């Protein structure tokens, strides 16, 4: 299986993903920058930057998106459901 590497690659996350209160349901590589988001828009603070390894340890299925092209994204209904590829919103 491919992996998103390097593990210390800096990625953007929403506050809900940062504090692990919601799962990652939307991933985007907008302009080449990885974003791992909960899929909701009710954030009461700015996002955070963390190393992608923290996320792939928490949810190894994120590695299924290692080959995601720039300006493309993927979304799913819940952890365990199939990723559906989309263009970044």
Protein backbone atom coordinates (compact mmCIF):
# COMPACT_ATOMS: atom_id res chain seq x y z
CA UNK A 1 0.00 0.00 0.00
CA UNK A 2 1.22 3.51 -0.77
CA UNK A 3 1.70 5.95 2.06
CA UNK A 4 1.43 9.70 2.30
CA UNK A 5 5.04 10.66 2.97
CA UNK A 6 7.12 11.92 4.56
CA UNK A 7 5.44 11.41 7.92
CA UNK A 8 6.48 14.90 9.00
CA UNK A 9 4.89 16.49 5.91
CA UNK A 10 3.07 19.60 7.12
CA UNK A 11 -0.66 19.50 6.37
CA UNK A 12 -3.62 21.70 7.23
CA UNK A 13 -6.42 20.43 9.49
CA UNK A 14 -9.59 21.99 10.83
CA UNK A 15 -9.98 22.46 14.61
CA UNK A 16 -12.25 19.38 14.86
CA UNK A 17 -9.64 17.12 13.26
CA UNK A 18 -6.88 18.71 15.34
CA UNK A 19 -8.62 17.90 18.63
CA UNK A 20 -9.90 14.53 17.29
CA UNK A 21 -13.53 15.42 18.01
CA UNK A 22 -14.63 14.54 14.44
CA UNK A 23 -13.28 12.14 11.83
CA UNK A 24 -11.65 13.20 8.58
CA UNK A 25 -14.35 13.06 5.91
CA UNK A 26 -12.88 15.44 3.30
CA UNK A 27 -9.33 15.62 1.95
CA UNK A 28 -8.11 18.10 -0.65
CA UNK A 29 -4.77 18.89 -2.32
CA UNK A 30 -5.59 22.48 -3.23
CA UNK A 31 -2.62 24.04 -5.05
CA UNK A 32 -0.63 21.02 -3.84
CA UNK A 33 -1.22 21.68 -0.12
CA UNK A 34 -2.87 18.80 1.72
CA UNK A 35 -5.97 19.61 3.79
CA UNK A 36 -7.63 17.06 6.09
CA UNK A 37 -11.04 18.29 7.18
CA UNK A 38 -14.13 17.10 9.02
CA UNK A 39 -16.41 18.15 6.14
CA UNK A 40 -18.44 20.67 8.16
CA UNK A 41 -18.22 24.46 8.10
CA UNK A 42 -19.04 25.25 11.74
CA UNK A 43 -15.50 26.01 12.84
CA UNK A 44 -15.11 28.61 15.58
CA UNK A 45 -11.34 29.04 15.10
CA UNK A 46 -8.67 28.83 12.43
CA UNK A 47 -7.11 25.61 11.30
CA UNK A 48 -3.82 24.11 12.41
CA UNK A 49 -0.72 22.69 10.75
CA UNK A 50 0.50 19.25 11.87
CA UNK A 51 2.58 16.37 10.51
CA UNK A 52 0.59 13.95 8.37
CA UNK A 53 1.99 10.98 10.31
CA UNK A 54 -0.20 11.90 13.29
CA UNK A 55 -3.25 11.55 11.05
CA UNK A 56 -2.26 8.34 9.27
CA UNK A 57 -1.50 6.68 12.60
CA UNK A 58 -4.98 7.64 13.79
CA UNK A 59 -6.65 6.60 10.52
CA UNK A 60 -4.53 4.40 8.20
CA UNK A 61 -7.23 4.54 5.47
CA UNK A 62 -5.98 8.04 4.66
CA UNK A 63 -3.04 6.37 2.93
CA UNK A 64 -5.49 5.22 0.24
CA UNK A 65 -5.26 8.83 -1.00
CA UNK A 66 -1.46 8.90 -1.37
CA UNK A 67 -1.73 9.26 -5.15
CA UNK A 68 -4.33 12.06 -5.02
CA UNK A 69 -3.56 14.56 -7.76
CA UNK A 70 -3.10 18.29 -7.13
CA UNK A 71 -6.42 20.20 -7.03
CA UNK A 72 -8.35 16.99 -6.44
CA UNK A 73 -10.05 15.87 -3.30
CA UNK A 74 -11.88 12.93 -1.82
CA UNK A 75 -14.83 12.68 0.50
CA UNK A 76 -16.67 9.94 2.34
CA UNK A 77 -19.75 9.64 4.53
CA UNK A 78 -17.99 8.07 7.51
CA UNK A 79 -14.80 6.23 8.42
CA UNK A 80 -14.84 2.92 6.60
CA UNK A 81 -16.93 4.11 3.68
CA UNK A 82 -15.43 4.39 0.21
CA UNK A 83 -13.58 7.57 -0.77
CA UNK A 84 -15.25 9.42 -3.66
CA UNK A 85 -12.88 11.54 -5.76
CA UNK A 86 -13.90 15.12 -6.57
CA UNK A 87 -12.24 18.30 -7.68
CA UNK A 88 -11.37 20.55 -4.74
CA UNK A 89 -14.27 22.74 -3.69
